[in-house]
N, C-alpha and C. Protein backbone atom coordinates (compact mmCIF):
# COMPACT_ATOMS: atom_id res chain seq x y z
N MET A 1 -51.99 -103.97 -122.60
CA MET A 1 -50.85 -104.50 -121.88
C MET A 1 -49.73 -103.47 -121.94
N LEU A 2 -49.04 -103.32 -120.84
CA LEU A 2 -47.91 -102.40 -120.75
C LEU A 2 -46.68 -103.20 -120.34
N ILE A 3 -45.61 -103.06 -121.09
CA ILE A 3 -44.34 -103.73 -120.79
C ILE A 3 -43.26 -102.66 -120.76
N ARG A 4 -42.43 -102.69 -119.74
CA ARG A 4 -41.28 -101.78 -119.67
C ARG A 4 -40.08 -102.57 -119.17
N THR A 5 -38.92 -102.19 -119.65
CA THR A 5 -37.67 -102.78 -119.15
C THR A 5 -36.98 -101.73 -118.28
N MET A 6 -36.09 -102.17 -117.42
CA MET A 6 -35.34 -101.24 -116.60
C MET A 6 -34.52 -100.28 -117.47
N GLU A 7 -34.04 -100.75 -118.60
CA GLU A 7 -33.30 -99.88 -119.51
C GLU A 7 -34.19 -98.74 -120.01
N GLN A 8 -35.45 -99.03 -120.35
CA GLN A 8 -36.39 -98.00 -120.79
C GLN A 8 -36.68 -97.02 -119.65
N ILE A 9 -36.90 -97.56 -118.47
CA ILE A 9 -37.22 -96.73 -117.32
C ILE A 9 -36.08 -95.77 -117.03
N GLU A 10 -34.86 -96.26 -117.05
CA GLU A 10 -33.69 -95.40 -116.81
C GLU A 10 -33.55 -94.36 -117.91
N ALA A 11 -33.74 -94.75 -119.17
CA ALA A 11 -33.61 -93.83 -120.31
C ALA A 11 -34.68 -92.73 -120.25
N GLU A 12 -35.83 -93.03 -119.68
CA GLU A 12 -36.92 -92.06 -119.58
C GLU A 12 -36.77 -91.13 -118.37
N GLY A 13 -35.70 -91.29 -117.60
CA GLY A 13 -35.47 -90.43 -116.44
C GLY A 13 -36.38 -90.74 -115.27
N ARG A 14 -36.81 -91.98 -115.14
CA ARG A 14 -37.73 -92.38 -114.08
C ARG A 14 -37.02 -92.81 -112.80
N VAL A 15 -35.71 -92.69 -112.73
CA VAL A 15 -34.95 -92.98 -111.51
C VAL A 15 -34.58 -91.64 -110.90
N ILE A 16 -35.11 -91.38 -109.69
CA ILE A 16 -34.91 -90.07 -109.08
C ILE A 16 -34.44 -90.21 -107.64
N SER A 17 -33.90 -89.12 -107.11
CA SER A 17 -33.51 -89.05 -105.71
C SER A 17 -34.72 -88.62 -104.89
N ILE A 18 -34.95 -89.28 -103.76
CA ILE A 18 -36.05 -88.91 -102.86
C ILE A 18 -35.54 -88.88 -101.42
N GLY A 19 -36.43 -88.56 -100.50
CA GLY A 19 -36.07 -88.59 -99.07
C GLY A 19 -34.93 -87.65 -98.77
N TYR A 20 -34.99 -86.46 -99.37
CA TYR A 20 -33.96 -85.46 -99.15
C TYR A 20 -32.57 -85.98 -99.54
N GLY A 21 -32.53 -86.76 -100.62
CA GLY A 21 -31.28 -87.29 -101.14
C GLY A 21 -30.79 -88.54 -100.44
N LYS A 22 -31.60 -89.11 -99.56
CA LYS A 22 -31.19 -90.27 -98.78
C LYS A 22 -31.63 -91.59 -99.39
N ALA A 23 -32.42 -91.51 -100.46
CA ALA A 23 -32.96 -92.72 -101.09
C ALA A 23 -33.15 -92.49 -102.58
N THR A 24 -33.38 -93.58 -103.29
CA THR A 24 -33.64 -93.54 -104.72
C THR A 24 -34.98 -94.19 -104.99
N ALA A 25 -35.73 -93.60 -105.93
CA ALA A 25 -37.01 -94.18 -106.34
C ALA A 25 -36.98 -94.42 -107.84
N VAL A 26 -37.51 -95.56 -108.23
CA VAL A 26 -37.70 -95.88 -109.64
C VAL A 26 -39.20 -95.80 -109.88
N ARG A 27 -39.64 -94.82 -110.67
CA ARG A 27 -41.06 -94.60 -110.92
C ARG A 27 -41.52 -95.57 -112.02
N LEU A 28 -42.01 -96.72 -111.60
CA LEU A 28 -42.39 -97.79 -112.52
C LEU A 28 -43.68 -97.46 -113.28
N LEU A 29 -44.70 -97.01 -112.55
CA LEU A 29 -45.95 -96.54 -113.15
C LEU A 29 -46.23 -95.16 -112.58
N THR A 30 -46.68 -94.22 -113.42
CA THR A 30 -46.98 -92.87 -112.96
C THR A 30 -48.36 -92.45 -113.45
N LYS A 31 -48.75 -91.26 -113.07
CA LYS A 31 -50.05 -90.71 -113.46
C LYS A 31 -50.23 -90.74 -114.98
N ALA A 32 -49.17 -90.53 -115.74
CA ALA A 32 -49.23 -90.52 -117.21
C ALA A 32 -49.68 -91.87 -117.77
N ASP A 33 -49.58 -92.93 -116.98
CA ASP A 33 -50.01 -94.25 -117.45
C ASP A 33 -51.53 -94.42 -117.38
N GLY A 34 -52.23 -93.42 -116.82
CA GLY A 34 -53.68 -93.42 -116.85
C GLY A 34 -54.38 -94.28 -115.83
N LEU A 35 -53.70 -94.63 -114.76
CA LEU A 35 -54.28 -95.47 -113.71
C LEU A 35 -54.61 -94.62 -112.49
N ASN A 36 -55.33 -95.16 -111.55
CA ASN A 36 -55.66 -94.44 -110.32
C ASN A 36 -54.63 -94.66 -109.22
N PHE A 37 -53.45 -95.13 -109.58
CA PHE A 37 -52.36 -95.37 -108.63
C PHE A 37 -51.04 -95.29 -109.38
N SER A 38 -49.97 -95.15 -108.64
CA SER A 38 -48.63 -95.25 -109.22
C SER A 38 -47.84 -96.25 -108.38
N ILE A 39 -46.81 -96.83 -108.99
CA ILE A 39 -45.95 -97.80 -108.31
C ILE A 39 -44.50 -97.36 -108.46
N SER A 40 -43.79 -97.41 -107.35
CA SER A 40 -42.37 -97.06 -107.34
C SER A 40 -41.59 -98.16 -106.63
N GLU A 41 -40.35 -98.29 -107.01
CA GLU A 41 -39.41 -99.11 -106.27
C GLU A 41 -38.53 -98.14 -105.50
N ALA A 42 -38.40 -98.33 -104.20
CA ALA A 42 -37.59 -97.43 -103.37
C ALA A 42 -36.42 -98.19 -102.77
N ARG A 43 -35.28 -97.52 -102.75
CA ARG A 43 -34.09 -98.07 -102.13
C ARG A 43 -33.48 -97.02 -101.21
N GLY A 44 -33.32 -97.39 -99.94
CA GLY A 44 -32.73 -96.48 -98.96
C GLY A 44 -31.50 -97.10 -98.36
N SER A 45 -30.56 -96.25 -98.00
CA SER A 45 -29.32 -96.76 -97.42
C SER A 45 -29.42 -96.82 -95.90
N LYS A 46 -28.58 -97.67 -95.31
CA LYS A 46 -28.53 -97.85 -93.87
C LYS A 46 -28.34 -96.49 -93.19
N ALA A 47 -29.07 -96.31 -92.09
CA ALA A 47 -28.98 -95.12 -91.25
C ALA A 47 -29.56 -93.88 -91.92
N GLY A 48 -30.35 -94.04 -92.97
CA GLY A 48 -31.09 -92.91 -93.53
C GLY A 48 -32.30 -92.65 -92.66
N ALA A 49 -32.71 -91.40 -92.56
CA ALA A 49 -33.90 -91.06 -91.78
C ALA A 49 -34.57 -89.85 -92.39
N SER A 50 -35.90 -89.86 -92.39
CA SER A 50 -36.69 -88.75 -92.93
C SER A 50 -37.98 -88.62 -92.14
N THR A 51 -38.43 -87.39 -91.96
CA THR A 51 -39.75 -87.14 -91.42
C THR A 51 -40.65 -86.81 -92.59
N LEU A 52 -41.74 -87.57 -92.73
CA LEU A 52 -42.61 -87.48 -93.90
C LEU A 52 -44.06 -87.32 -93.45
N TRP A 53 -44.87 -86.75 -94.34
CA TRP A 53 -46.30 -86.59 -94.07
C TRP A 53 -47.01 -86.48 -95.40
N TYR A 54 -47.59 -87.57 -95.86
CA TYR A 54 -48.27 -87.57 -97.16
C TYR A 54 -49.68 -87.03 -97.00
N LYS A 55 -49.78 -85.70 -96.89
CA LYS A 55 -51.05 -85.00 -96.69
C LYS A 55 -51.98 -85.13 -97.90
N ASN A 56 -51.42 -85.35 -99.07
CA ASN A 56 -52.17 -85.34 -100.32
C ASN A 56 -52.25 -86.70 -101.00
N HIS A 57 -51.78 -87.74 -100.32
CA HIS A 57 -51.71 -89.08 -100.92
C HIS A 57 -51.88 -90.16 -99.86
N TRP A 58 -52.24 -91.34 -100.30
CA TRP A 58 -52.10 -92.56 -99.52
C TRP A 58 -50.88 -93.27 -100.10
N GLU A 59 -50.03 -93.79 -99.23
CA GLU A 59 -48.84 -94.52 -99.67
C GLU A 59 -48.78 -95.85 -98.93
N GLY A 60 -48.76 -96.94 -99.70
CA GLY A 60 -48.57 -98.27 -99.15
C GLY A 60 -47.17 -98.75 -99.50
N ASN A 61 -46.47 -99.31 -98.54
CA ASN A 61 -45.09 -99.77 -98.74
C ASN A 61 -44.94 -101.22 -98.30
N LEU A 62 -44.39 -102.03 -99.17
CA LEU A 62 -44.08 -103.42 -98.87
C LEU A 62 -42.56 -103.55 -98.85
N VAL A 63 -42.02 -103.93 -97.69
CA VAL A 63 -40.57 -104.10 -97.55
C VAL A 63 -40.19 -105.44 -98.18
N LEU A 64 -39.29 -105.39 -99.15
CA LEU A 64 -38.80 -106.61 -99.80
C LEU A 64 -37.51 -107.11 -99.17
N GLU A 65 -36.63 -106.17 -98.83
CA GLU A 65 -35.33 -106.51 -98.22
C GLU A 65 -34.98 -105.45 -97.18
N GLY A 66 -34.26 -105.86 -96.15
CA GLY A 66 -33.77 -104.93 -95.15
C GLY A 66 -34.74 -104.73 -94.01
N SER A 67 -34.41 -103.76 -93.15
CA SER A 67 -35.27 -103.46 -92.01
C SER A 67 -35.32 -101.95 -91.78
N LEU A 68 -36.47 -101.52 -91.28
CA LEU A 68 -36.68 -100.11 -91.02
C LEU A 68 -37.58 -99.94 -89.81
N GLU A 69 -37.59 -98.72 -89.31
CA GLU A 69 -38.47 -98.36 -88.21
C GLU A 69 -39.33 -97.20 -88.68
N VAL A 70 -40.64 -97.34 -88.55
CA VAL A 70 -41.56 -96.25 -88.87
C VAL A 70 -42.25 -95.85 -87.57
N THR A 71 -42.18 -94.56 -87.26
CA THR A 71 -42.73 -94.03 -86.02
C THR A 71 -43.86 -93.06 -86.33
N ASP A 72 -45.01 -93.28 -85.74
CA ASP A 72 -46.16 -92.40 -85.86
C ASP A 72 -45.84 -91.14 -85.06
N LYS A 73 -45.74 -89.99 -85.72
CA LYS A 73 -45.37 -88.74 -85.05
C LYS A 73 -46.49 -88.24 -84.12
N THR A 74 -47.71 -88.70 -84.32
CA THR A 74 -48.83 -88.28 -83.48
C THR A 74 -48.84 -89.03 -82.16
N THR A 75 -48.60 -90.34 -82.19
CA THR A 75 -48.68 -91.15 -80.98
C THR A 75 -47.31 -91.51 -80.40
N GLY A 76 -46.27 -91.43 -81.22
CA GLY A 76 -44.94 -91.84 -80.79
C GLY A 76 -44.71 -93.34 -80.91
N GLU A 77 -45.72 -94.07 -81.35
CA GLU A 77 -45.60 -95.53 -81.49
C GLU A 77 -44.66 -95.88 -82.64
N ALA A 78 -43.67 -96.75 -82.36
CA ALA A 78 -42.68 -97.16 -83.36
C ALA A 78 -42.93 -98.61 -83.76
N HIS A 79 -42.70 -98.90 -85.02
CA HIS A 79 -42.88 -100.25 -85.56
C HIS A 79 -41.63 -100.66 -86.31
N LEU A 80 -41.09 -101.83 -85.99
CA LEU A 80 -39.95 -102.38 -86.70
C LEU A 80 -40.49 -103.29 -87.80
N LEU A 81 -40.03 -103.09 -89.03
CA LEU A 81 -40.50 -103.88 -90.16
C LEU A 81 -39.33 -104.46 -90.92
N GLY A 82 -39.49 -105.70 -91.36
CA GLY A 82 -38.51 -106.37 -92.19
C GLY A 82 -39.19 -106.90 -93.42
N PRO A 83 -38.54 -107.81 -94.15
CA PRO A 83 -39.12 -108.36 -95.37
C PRO A 83 -40.53 -108.90 -95.14
N GLY A 84 -41.45 -108.47 -96.00
CA GLY A 84 -42.85 -108.87 -95.88
C GLY A 84 -43.68 -107.90 -95.05
N GLY A 85 -43.03 -106.96 -94.37
CA GLY A 85 -43.75 -105.95 -93.59
C GLY A 85 -44.40 -104.93 -94.50
N LEU A 86 -45.58 -104.50 -94.12
CA LEU A 86 -46.35 -103.53 -94.91
C LEU A 86 -46.79 -102.40 -94.01
N TYR A 87 -46.67 -101.17 -94.49
CA TYR A 87 -47.27 -100.06 -93.78
C TYR A 87 -47.95 -99.13 -94.76
N LEU A 88 -49.04 -98.51 -94.29
CA LEU A 88 -49.83 -97.58 -95.07
C LEU A 88 -49.91 -96.28 -94.30
N VAL A 89 -49.60 -95.18 -94.98
CA VAL A 89 -49.69 -93.85 -94.37
C VAL A 89 -50.47 -92.93 -95.29
N GLY A 90 -51.07 -91.91 -94.70
CA GLY A 90 -51.86 -90.97 -95.48
C GLY A 90 -51.96 -89.63 -94.81
N PRO A 91 -53.02 -88.89 -95.11
CA PRO A 91 -53.16 -87.51 -94.66
C PRO A 91 -53.10 -87.31 -93.15
N GLY A 92 -53.51 -88.27 -92.36
CA GLY A 92 -53.49 -88.14 -90.91
C GLY A 92 -52.30 -88.79 -90.26
N ASP A 93 -51.25 -89.08 -91.05
CA ASP A 93 -50.15 -89.90 -90.52
C ASP A 93 -48.76 -89.27 -90.69
N PRO A 94 -48.48 -88.13 -90.03
CA PRO A 94 -47.09 -87.68 -90.06
C PRO A 94 -46.23 -88.77 -89.41
N HIS A 95 -45.11 -89.09 -90.03
CA HIS A 95 -44.31 -90.20 -89.51
C HIS A 95 -42.81 -89.97 -89.73
N HIS A 96 -42.04 -90.70 -88.97
CA HIS A 96 -40.58 -90.66 -89.11
C HIS A 96 -40.14 -92.05 -89.59
N LEU A 97 -39.34 -92.06 -90.61
CA LEU A 97 -38.87 -93.31 -91.20
C LEU A 97 -37.35 -93.38 -91.02
N LYS A 98 -36.88 -94.48 -90.45
CA LYS A 98 -35.44 -94.68 -90.25
C LYS A 98 -35.07 -96.05 -90.79
N THR A 99 -34.11 -96.09 -91.72
CA THR A 99 -33.64 -97.37 -92.24
C THR A 99 -32.55 -97.90 -91.32
N LEU A 100 -32.70 -99.14 -90.90
CA LEU A 100 -31.74 -99.77 -89.99
C LEU A 100 -30.69 -100.54 -90.75
N THR A 101 -31.03 -100.95 -91.97
CA THR A 101 -30.11 -101.60 -92.91
C THR A 101 -30.44 -101.01 -94.28
N ASP A 102 -29.71 -101.40 -95.29
CA ASP A 102 -30.13 -101.03 -96.64
C ASP A 102 -31.52 -101.62 -96.85
N VAL A 103 -32.42 -100.84 -97.43
CA VAL A 103 -33.82 -101.26 -97.59
C VAL A 103 -34.22 -101.20 -99.06
N HIS A 104 -35.01 -102.18 -99.47
CA HIS A 104 -35.60 -102.24 -100.81
C HIS A 104 -37.09 -102.45 -100.59
N ALA A 105 -37.92 -101.56 -101.16
CA ALA A 105 -39.37 -101.64 -100.95
C ALA A 105 -40.11 -101.28 -102.24
N ILE A 106 -41.35 -101.69 -102.30
CA ILE A 106 -42.27 -101.30 -103.37
C ILE A 106 -43.31 -100.38 -102.75
N SER A 107 -43.55 -99.23 -103.38
CA SER A 107 -44.50 -98.24 -102.88
C SER A 107 -45.61 -98.03 -103.90
N VAL A 108 -46.84 -97.94 -103.40
CA VAL A 108 -48.01 -97.65 -104.24
C VAL A 108 -48.63 -96.35 -103.72
N PHE A 109 -48.88 -95.40 -104.62
CA PHE A 109 -49.48 -94.11 -104.26
C PHE A 109 -50.83 -93.94 -104.91
N ASP A 110 -51.77 -93.37 -104.14
CA ASP A 110 -53.09 -93.00 -104.65
C ASP A 110 -53.44 -91.66 -104.01
N PRO A 111 -53.71 -90.62 -104.79
CA PRO A 111 -53.69 -90.57 -106.24
C PRO A 111 -52.27 -90.78 -106.78
N PRO A 112 -52.17 -91.13 -108.07
CA PRO A 112 -50.87 -91.45 -108.63
C PRO A 112 -49.93 -90.25 -108.69
N LEU A 113 -48.65 -90.55 -108.54
CA LEU A 113 -47.62 -89.52 -108.67
C LEU A 113 -47.32 -89.25 -110.14
N THR A 114 -46.87 -88.03 -110.42
CA THR A 114 -46.42 -87.72 -111.79
C THR A 114 -45.05 -88.32 -112.03
N GLY A 115 -44.28 -88.51 -110.95
CA GLY A 115 -42.95 -89.10 -111.05
C GLY A 115 -41.83 -88.12 -110.81
N LYS A 116 -42.13 -86.83 -110.76
CA LYS A 116 -41.09 -85.82 -110.57
C LYS A 116 -41.21 -85.08 -109.25
N GLU A 117 -42.14 -85.50 -108.38
CA GLU A 117 -42.37 -84.80 -107.12
C GLU A 117 -41.13 -84.77 -106.25
N ASP A 118 -41.07 -83.73 -105.42
CA ASP A 118 -40.04 -83.61 -104.41
C ASP A 118 -40.74 -83.28 -103.09
N HIS A 119 -40.24 -83.78 -101.99
CA HIS A 119 -40.85 -83.53 -100.68
C HIS A 119 -40.75 -82.05 -100.32
N ASP A 120 -41.83 -81.51 -99.74
CA ASP A 120 -41.80 -80.13 -99.26
C ASP A 120 -41.29 -80.12 -97.81
N ALA A 121 -41.38 -78.97 -97.16
CA ALA A 121 -40.85 -78.82 -95.80
C ALA A 121 -41.53 -79.76 -94.80
N ASP A 122 -42.80 -80.14 -95.06
CA ASP A 122 -43.51 -81.07 -94.19
C ASP A 122 -43.26 -82.53 -94.54
N GLY A 123 -42.52 -82.78 -95.62
CA GLY A 123 -42.28 -84.15 -96.07
C GLY A 123 -43.39 -84.68 -96.96
N ALA A 124 -44.18 -83.77 -97.52
CA ALA A 124 -45.31 -84.15 -98.38
C ALA A 124 -44.97 -83.91 -99.85
N TYR A 125 -45.74 -84.56 -100.71
CA TYR A 125 -45.72 -84.28 -102.14
C TYR A 125 -46.91 -83.38 -102.45
N PRO A 126 -46.81 -82.54 -103.49
CA PRO A 126 -47.96 -81.71 -103.85
C PRO A 126 -49.12 -82.57 -104.35
N PRO A 127 -50.36 -82.06 -104.27
CA PRO A 127 -51.51 -82.82 -104.75
C PRO A 127 -51.35 -83.20 -106.23
N THR A 128 -51.80 -84.41 -106.56
CA THR A 128 -51.77 -84.86 -107.96
C THR A 128 -53.12 -85.38 -108.42
N GLY A 129 -54.15 -85.19 -107.59
CA GLY A 129 -55.49 -85.64 -107.93
C GLY A 129 -56.35 -85.70 -106.70
N SER A 130 -57.56 -86.19 -106.86
CA SER A 130 -58.51 -86.30 -105.75
C SER A 130 -58.05 -87.37 -104.77
N LEU A 131 -58.11 -87.04 -103.51
CA LEU A 131 -57.69 -87.97 -102.46
C LEU A 131 -58.83 -88.94 -102.14
N PRO A 132 -58.58 -90.26 -102.28
CA PRO A 132 -59.63 -91.22 -101.93
C PRO A 132 -59.83 -91.25 -100.42
N PRO A 133 -60.98 -91.77 -99.96
CA PRO A 133 -61.30 -91.73 -98.54
C PRO A 133 -60.36 -92.54 -97.64
N GLY A 134 -59.77 -93.61 -98.14
CA GLY A 134 -58.82 -94.36 -97.34
C GLY A 134 -59.41 -95.53 -96.58
N PRO A 135 -58.59 -96.17 -95.71
CA PRO A 135 -59.00 -97.36 -94.99
C PRO A 135 -60.25 -97.14 -94.15
N GLY A 136 -61.10 -98.14 -94.12
CA GLY A 136 -62.29 -98.11 -93.31
C GLY A 136 -63.49 -97.44 -93.97
N ALA A 137 -63.25 -96.73 -95.08
CA ALA A 137 -64.35 -96.08 -95.79
C ALA A 137 -65.11 -97.13 -96.61
N VAL A 138 -66.38 -97.01 -96.65
CA VAL A 138 -67.19 -97.95 -97.42
C VAL A 138 -67.81 -97.24 -98.59
């Protein structure tokens, strides 16, 4: 069993700036926890926008509060998401993310993040393990 408090998480330096300084992530579970995934809490401010491409990871996001627009950079298709909305992006999904209000979301990464990653010029994080096959793979 693993138990952590927000006070412990903050003291361990697990609260970081992401999205080119436009959002904050709380790294709740990381690669060091020995799992095949990591979990983060993300908070973005209204009118934040980032172009991202998780070439080395799968990222699932569940919107808890607020609204955002995620646009597939390959097709141009835009999706408006609010509380309860879920989106999954991975190696084939360069996308643009725009927060329309303050947003609070939970993100799951596979392979797990170390917790200190920063986005590169493409909006990706560096590899942290073997990339699983993803949706539709059996």
